[in-house]
Amino acid sequence: MWRFRSVFRSPTWRFKSGGGESLNQLSERCISYLNKVAQNHIGERVIVVGHGAAILELCRHTDPPNRSIRRKIPNTSLNIFRISGVTGRWILERCGDVGHLSENGFLENVFGGDGASA
């Protein structure tokens, strides 16, 4: 029971479950890593594969005022970030895009055709 109380007493971005990391720690780790990747691949296209929580934190990094936004990142979705060569600012070009699944009829034929579980 005490675990649940600690969740409600601490803002979710600071809460850390036994042995895990907080959302702030996750965000810092992901952003730090991708900044290193970007520095090592200036002018190149890079593909990075990650899980929903990491991708969501990266989406929030592009627009800090919307940090509290809650959004589900669909499995297999495309999330495209661009780093401005002028300002170094992260620009979110696509977030949670599953259009590539619709194009081939995949969403209509699986998960009951609702596409919600993609």
N, C-alpha and C. Protein backbone atom coordinates (compact mmCIF):
# COMPACT_ATOMS: atom_id res chain seq x y z
N MET A 1 0.82 -1.20 0.00
CA MET A 1 0.00 0.00 0.00
C MET A 1 0.86 1.26 0.00
N TRP A 2 1.99 1.24 0.69
CA TRP A 2 2.84 2.43 0.76
C TRP A 2 3.36 2.82 -0.61
N ARG A 3 3.54 1.85 -1.54
CA ARG A 3 4.00 2.17 -2.89
C ARG A 3 3.01 3.07 -3.60
N PHE A 4 1.73 2.76 -3.47
CA PHE A 4 0.71 3.56 -4.13
C PHE A 4 0.65 4.97 -3.55
N ARG A 5 0.84 5.09 -2.26
CA ARG A 5 0.83 6.42 -1.64
C ARG A 5 1.98 7.26 -2.17
N SER A 6 3.16 6.65 -2.35
CA SER A 6 4.30 7.41 -2.83
C SER A 6 4.08 7.91 -4.26
N VAL A 7 3.32 7.16 -5.05
CA VAL A 7 3.00 7.61 -6.41
C VAL A 7 2.19 8.90 -6.36
N PHE A 8 1.21 8.96 -5.47
CA PHE A 8 0.35 10.13 -5.40
C PHE A 8 1.01 11.33 -4.72
N ARG A 9 2.02 11.10 -3.92
CA ARG A 9 2.72 12.19 -3.24
C ARG A 9 3.80 12.81 -4.12
N SER A 10 4.26 12.09 -5.11
CA SER A 10 5.35 12.55 -5.95
C SER A 10 4.83 12.79 -7.36
N PRO A 11 5.23 13.92 -7.98
CA PRO A 11 4.85 14.09 -9.38
C PRO A 11 5.36 12.91 -10.20
N THR A 12 4.58 12.47 -11.18
CA THR A 12 4.91 11.25 -11.92
C THR A 12 6.27 11.31 -12.60
N TRP A 13 6.74 12.48 -13.00
CA TRP A 13 8.04 12.55 -13.67
C TRP A 13 9.20 12.35 -12.70
N ARG A 14 8.91 12.41 -11.38
CA ARG A 14 9.97 12.18 -10.40
C ARG A 14 9.84 10.83 -9.71
N PHE A 15 8.67 10.20 -9.80
CA PHE A 15 8.46 8.92 -9.12
C PHE A 15 9.35 7.85 -9.72
N LYS A 16 9.97 7.06 -8.86
CA LYS A 16 10.86 5.98 -9.29
C LYS A 16 10.45 4.72 -8.57
N SER A 17 9.95 3.75 -9.32
CA SER A 17 9.55 2.47 -8.75
C SER A 17 10.80 1.66 -8.40
N GLY A 18 10.70 0.77 -7.45
CA GLY A 18 11.83 -0.01 -6.95
C GLY A 18 12.84 -0.44 -8.00
N GLY A 19 14.01 0.16 -7.99
CA GLY A 19 15.10 -0.20 -8.88
C GLY A 19 15.00 0.39 -10.28
N GLY A 20 13.90 1.06 -10.60
CA GLY A 20 13.71 1.62 -11.94
C GLY A 20 14.25 3.04 -12.03
N GLU A 21 13.80 3.75 -13.04
CA GLU A 21 14.21 5.14 -13.19
C GLU A 21 12.96 6.00 -13.34
N SER A 22 13.08 7.25 -12.93
CA SER A 22 11.97 8.19 -13.06
C SER A 22 11.85 8.62 -14.52
N LEU A 23 10.74 9.28 -14.87
CA LEU A 23 10.60 9.80 -16.22
C LEU A 23 11.67 10.84 -16.52
N ASN A 24 12.03 11.64 -15.51
CA ASN A 24 13.12 12.61 -15.71
C ASN A 24 14.42 11.90 -16.05
N GLN A 25 14.73 10.82 -15.34
CA GLN A 25 15.96 10.08 -15.60
C GLN A 25 15.92 9.43 -16.99
N LEU A 26 14.78 8.86 -17.34
CA LEU A 26 14.61 8.27 -18.66
C LEU A 26 14.82 9.32 -19.74
N SER A 27 14.19 10.47 -19.57
CA SER A 27 14.30 11.56 -20.53
C SER A 27 15.75 12.01 -20.68
N GLU A 28 16.43 12.23 -19.57
CA GLU A 28 17.83 12.66 -19.61
C GLU A 28 18.70 11.63 -20.31
N ARG A 29 18.48 10.36 -20.04
CA ARG A 29 19.29 9.29 -20.65
C ARG A 29 19.07 9.24 -22.15
N CYS A 30 17.82 9.29 -22.57
CA CYS A 30 17.50 9.21 -24.00
C CYS A 30 18.00 10.43 -24.77
N ILE A 31 17.76 11.60 -24.22
CA ILE A 31 18.17 12.83 -24.89
C ILE A 31 19.68 12.92 -24.98
N SER A 32 20.37 12.56 -23.92
CA SER A 32 21.83 12.57 -23.92
C SER A 32 22.37 11.63 -25.00
N TYR A 33 21.82 10.43 -25.06
CA TYR A 33 22.28 9.45 -26.05
C TYR A 33 22.02 9.95 -27.48
N LEU A 34 20.81 10.44 -27.74
CA LEU A 34 20.51 10.87 -29.10
C LEU A 34 21.27 12.12 -29.50
N ASN A 35 21.59 12.98 -28.54
CA ASN A 35 22.44 14.12 -28.86
C ASN A 35 23.83 13.65 -29.30
N LYS A 36 24.35 12.61 -28.65
CA LYS A 36 25.64 12.04 -29.06
C LYS A 36 25.55 11.44 -30.46
N VAL A 37 24.48 10.71 -30.72
CA VAL A 37 24.28 10.13 -32.06
C VAL A 37 24.23 11.25 -33.10
N ALA A 38 23.48 12.31 -32.81
CA ALA A 38 23.37 13.44 -33.74
C ALA A 38 24.72 14.09 -34.00
N GLN A 39 25.53 14.26 -32.96
CA GLN A 39 26.86 14.86 -33.13
C GLN A 39 27.77 13.99 -33.99
N ASN A 40 27.61 12.68 -33.88
CA ASN A 40 28.46 11.76 -34.63
C ASN A 40 27.98 11.53 -36.06
N HIS A 41 26.79 12.01 -36.39
CA HIS A 41 26.22 11.76 -37.72
C HIS A 41 25.61 13.03 -38.31
N ILE A 42 26.33 14.13 -38.21
CA ILE A 42 25.84 15.41 -38.73
C ILE A 42 25.56 15.27 -40.23
N GLY A 43 24.38 15.71 -40.64
CA GLY A 43 24.00 15.67 -42.04
C GLY A 43 23.55 14.32 -42.55
N GLU A 44 23.53 13.32 -41.69
CA GLU A 44 23.14 11.97 -42.09
C GLU A 44 21.74 11.64 -41.56
N ARG A 45 21.14 10.62 -42.14
CA ARG A 45 19.88 10.08 -41.61
C ARG A 45 20.23 8.90 -40.74
N VAL A 46 19.61 8.83 -39.59
CA VAL A 46 19.88 7.76 -38.64
C VAL A 46 18.55 7.13 -38.22
N ILE A 47 18.53 5.82 -38.13
CA ILE A 47 17.34 5.12 -37.64
C ILE A 47 17.62 4.63 -36.23
N VAL A 48 16.74 4.97 -35.31
CA VAL A 48 16.85 4.53 -33.92
C VAL A 48 15.54 3.83 -33.57
N VAL A 49 15.63 2.68 -32.95
CA VAL A 49 14.44 1.93 -32.54
C VAL A 49 14.34 2.00 -31.03
N GLY A 50 13.15 2.28 -30.51
CA GLY A 50 12.98 2.39 -29.07
C GLY A 50 11.59 1.96 -28.65
N HIS A 51 11.35 2.01 -27.36
CA HIS A 51 10.03 1.65 -26.83
C HIS A 51 9.21 2.92 -26.59
N GLY A 52 7.92 2.73 -26.38
CA GLY A 52 6.98 3.84 -26.29
C GLY A 52 7.33 4.91 -25.28
N ALA A 53 7.76 4.51 -24.08
CA ALA A 53 8.07 5.50 -23.04
C ALA A 53 9.24 6.39 -23.47
N ALA A 54 10.26 5.78 -24.05
CA ALA A 54 11.42 6.56 -24.50
C ALA A 54 11.02 7.49 -25.64
N ILE A 55 10.24 6.99 -26.58
CA ILE A 55 9.81 7.81 -27.71
C ILE A 55 8.94 8.96 -27.23
N LEU A 56 8.03 8.69 -26.31
CA LEU A 56 7.16 9.74 -25.78
C LEU A 56 7.98 10.83 -25.10
N GLU A 57 8.99 10.45 -24.33
CA GLU A 57 9.84 11.45 -23.68
C GLU A 57 10.59 12.28 -24.71
N LEU A 58 11.03 11.66 -25.79
CA LEU A 58 11.71 12.41 -26.84
C LEU A 58 10.74 13.36 -27.54
N CYS A 59 9.50 12.93 -27.74
CA CYS A 59 8.48 13.81 -28.31
C CYS A 59 8.26 15.03 -27.42
N ARG A 60 8.25 14.81 -26.14
CA ARG A 60 8.06 15.92 -25.19
C ARG A 60 9.26 16.85 -25.17
N HIS A 61 10.43 16.31 -25.44
CA HIS A 61 11.66 17.12 -25.44
C HIS A 61 11.61 18.18 -26.54
N THR A 62 10.92 17.89 -27.62
CA THR A 62 10.88 18.85 -28.72
C THR A 62 10.00 20.05 -28.40
N ASP A 63 9.12 19.91 -27.44
CA ASP A 63 8.21 20.99 -27.09
C ASP A 63 8.01 21.01 -25.57
N PRO A 64 8.98 21.50 -24.80
CA PRO A 64 8.91 21.45 -23.33
C PRO A 64 7.62 21.98 -22.70
N PRO A 65 6.97 23.04 -23.24
CA PRO A 65 5.74 23.48 -22.58
C PRO A 65 4.65 22.41 -22.55
N ASN A 66 4.70 21.43 -23.46
CA ASN A 66 3.70 20.37 -23.49
C ASN A 66 4.17 19.11 -22.80
N ARG A 67 5.11 19.23 -21.87
CA ARG A 67 5.68 18.07 -21.21
C ARG A 67 4.62 17.20 -20.52
N SER A 68 3.56 17.80 -20.05
CA SER A 68 2.54 17.04 -19.32
C SER A 68 1.55 16.34 -20.24
N ILE A 69 1.69 16.50 -21.55
CA ILE A 69 0.75 15.86 -22.48
C ILE A 69 0.82 14.35 -22.33
N ARG A 70 -0.31 13.70 -22.40
CA ARG A 70 -0.38 12.24 -22.31
C ARG A 70 -0.78 11.72 -23.68
N ARG A 71 0.03 10.86 -24.23
CA ARG A 71 -0.26 10.31 -25.55
C ARG A 71 0.29 8.89 -25.61
N LYS A 72 -0.48 8.00 -26.21
CA LYS A 72 -0.01 6.63 -26.43
C LYS A 72 0.75 6.61 -27.75
N ILE A 73 1.92 6.03 -27.74
CA ILE A 73 2.69 5.87 -28.97
C ILE A 73 2.36 4.48 -29.51
N PRO A 74 1.67 4.39 -30.65
CA PRO A 74 1.30 3.08 -31.19
C PRO A 74 2.53 2.24 -31.54
N ASN A 75 2.43 0.94 -31.32
CA ASN A 75 3.51 0.03 -31.72
C ASN A 75 3.73 0.14 -33.22
N THR A 76 4.96 0.05 -33.64
CA THR A 76 5.42 0.12 -35.03
C THR A 76 5.20 1.47 -35.68
N SER A 77 4.86 2.49 -34.90
CA SER A 77 4.63 3.82 -35.49
C SER A 77 5.95 4.48 -35.86
N LEU A 78 5.84 5.42 -36.79
CA LEU A 78 7.00 6.21 -37.19
C LEU A 78 7.00 7.50 -36.39
N ASN A 79 8.14 7.83 -35.85
CA ASN A 79 8.33 9.06 -35.10
C ASN A 79 9.59 9.69 -35.66
N ILE A 80 9.43 10.82 -36.33
CA ILE A 80 10.55 11.41 -37.05
C ILE A 80 10.94 12.73 -36.40
N PHE A 81 12.20 12.81 -36.04
CA PHE A 81 12.78 14.02 -35.45
C PHE A 81 13.82 14.56 -36.41
N ARG A 82 13.93 15.87 -36.45
CA ARG A 82 14.99 16.51 -37.22
C ARG A 82 15.66 17.50 -36.28
N ILE A 83 16.95 17.58 -36.39
CA ILE A 83 17.67 18.55 -35.57
C ILE A 83 18.09 19.69 -36.48
N SER A 84 17.67 20.89 -36.14
CA SER A 84 17.97 22.06 -36.95
C SER A 84 19.47 22.29 -36.99
N GLY A 85 20.00 22.42 -38.20
CA GLY A 85 21.42 22.71 -38.35
C GLY A 85 21.77 24.12 -37.93
N VAL A 86 20.78 24.98 -37.87
CA VAL A 86 21.00 26.38 -37.50
C VAL A 86 20.93 26.57 -35.99
N THR A 87 19.84 26.09 -35.38
CA THR A 87 19.62 26.34 -33.95
C THR A 87 19.99 25.16 -33.07
N GLY A 88 20.10 23.97 -33.65
CA GLY A 88 20.34 22.77 -32.85
C GLY A 88 19.09 22.28 -32.14
N ARG A 89 17.97 22.94 -32.42
CA ARG A 89 16.68 22.59 -31.79
C ARG A 89 16.10 21.33 -32.42
N TRP A 90 15.50 20.49 -31.59
CA TRP A 90 14.84 19.29 -32.08
C TRP A 90 13.48 19.67 -32.65
N ILE A 91 13.17 19.15 -33.82
CA ILE A 91 11.89 19.41 -34.46
C ILE A 91 11.19 18.07 -34.66
N LEU A 92 9.98 17.97 -34.16
CA LEU A 92 9.20 16.74 -34.30
C LEU A 92 8.40 16.84 -35.59
N GLU A 93 8.74 15.99 -36.56
CA GLU A 93 8.05 16.02 -37.84
C GLU A 93 6.88 15.04 -37.89
N ARG A 94 7.00 13.90 -37.23
CA ARG A 94 5.92 12.91 -37.15
C ARG A 94 5.94 12.28 -35.77
N CYS A 95 4.76 12.03 -35.25
CA CYS A 95 4.67 11.36 -33.95
C CYS A 95 3.51 10.37 -33.98
N GLY A 96 3.82 9.10 -33.75
CA GLY A 96 2.78 8.07 -33.71
C GLY A 96 2.13 7.78 -35.05
N ASP A 97 2.83 8.02 -36.14
CA ASP A 97 2.27 7.84 -37.48
C ASP A 97 2.22 6.35 -37.84
N VAL A 98 1.02 5.84 -38.09
CA VAL A 98 0.85 4.44 -38.50
C VAL A 98 0.30 4.35 -39.93
N GLY A 99 0.48 5.40 -40.69
CA GLY A 99 0.00 5.44 -42.07
C GLY A 99 0.54 4.31 -42.92
N HIS A 100 1.78 3.91 -42.65
CA HIS A 100 2.38 2.82 -43.43
C HIS A 100 1.64 1.50 -43.20
N LEU A 101 0.94 1.37 -42.09
CA LEU A 101 0.17 0.15 -41.83
C LEU A 101 -1.18 0.20 -42.55
N SER A 102 -1.73 1.39 -42.71
CA SER A 102 -3.00 1.54 -43.42
C SER A 102 -2.83 1.31 -44.91
N GLU A 103 -1.70 1.74 -45.45
CA GLU A 103 -1.46 1.63 -46.89
C GLU A 103 -1.54 0.19 -47.39
N ASN A 104 -1.13 -0.76 -46.56
CA ASN A 104 -1.13 -2.15 -47.02
C ASN A 104 -2.30 -2.96 -46.43
N GLY A 105 -3.27 -2.30 -45.81
CA GLY A 105 -4.44 -2.97 -45.27
C GLY A 105 -4.21 -3.67 -43.95
N PHE A 106 -3.05 -3.50 -43.37
CA PHE A 106 -2.72 -4.20 -42.13
C PHE A 106 -3.67 -3.85 -41.00
N LEU A 107 -3.97 -2.58 -40.81
CA LEU A 107 -4.82 -2.16 -39.69
C LEU A 107 -6.25 -2.69 -39.82
N GLU A 108 -6.72 -2.84 -41.05
CA GLU A 108 -8.08 -3.31 -41.26
C GLU A 108 -8.22 -4.81 -41.01
N ASN A 109 -7.11 -5.54 -41.01
CA ASN A 109 -7.16 -7.00 -40.95
C ASN A 109 -6.68 -7.60 -39.63
N VAL A 110 -6.22 -6.81 -38.71
CA VAL A 110 -5.73 -7.35 -37.44
C VAL A 110 -6.38 -6.63 -36.27
N PHE A 111 -6.26 -7.20 -35.10
CA PHE A 111 -6.75 -6.59 -33.87
C PHE A 111 -8.21 -6.17 -33.98
N GLY A 112 -9.01 -6.95 -34.69
CA GLY A 112 -10.43 -6.62 -34.82
C GLY A 112 -10.70 -5.47 -35.77
N GLY A 113 -9.67 -5.03 -36.50
CA GLY A 113 -9.85 -3.96 -37.48
C GLY A 113 -9.93 -2.57 -36.90
N ASP A 114 -9.70 -2.43 -35.58
CA ASP A 114 -9.82 -1.09 -34.98
C ASP A 114 -8.53 -0.29 -35.08
N GLY A 115 -7.42 -0.94 -35.33
CA GLY A 115 -6.14 -0.24 -35.43
C GLY A 115 -5.63 0.29 -34.11
N ALA A 116 -6.39 0.14 -33.05
CA ALA A 116 -6.00 0.71 -31.76
C ALA A 116 -4.84 -0.02 -31.12
N SER A 117 -4.66 -1.27 -31.47
CA SER A 117 -3.61 -2.06 -30.83
C SER A 117 -2.35 -2.17 -31.67
N ALA A 118 -2.30 -1.45 -32.76
CA ALA A 118 -1.16 -1.55 -33.68
C ALA A 118 0.13 -1.20 -32.99
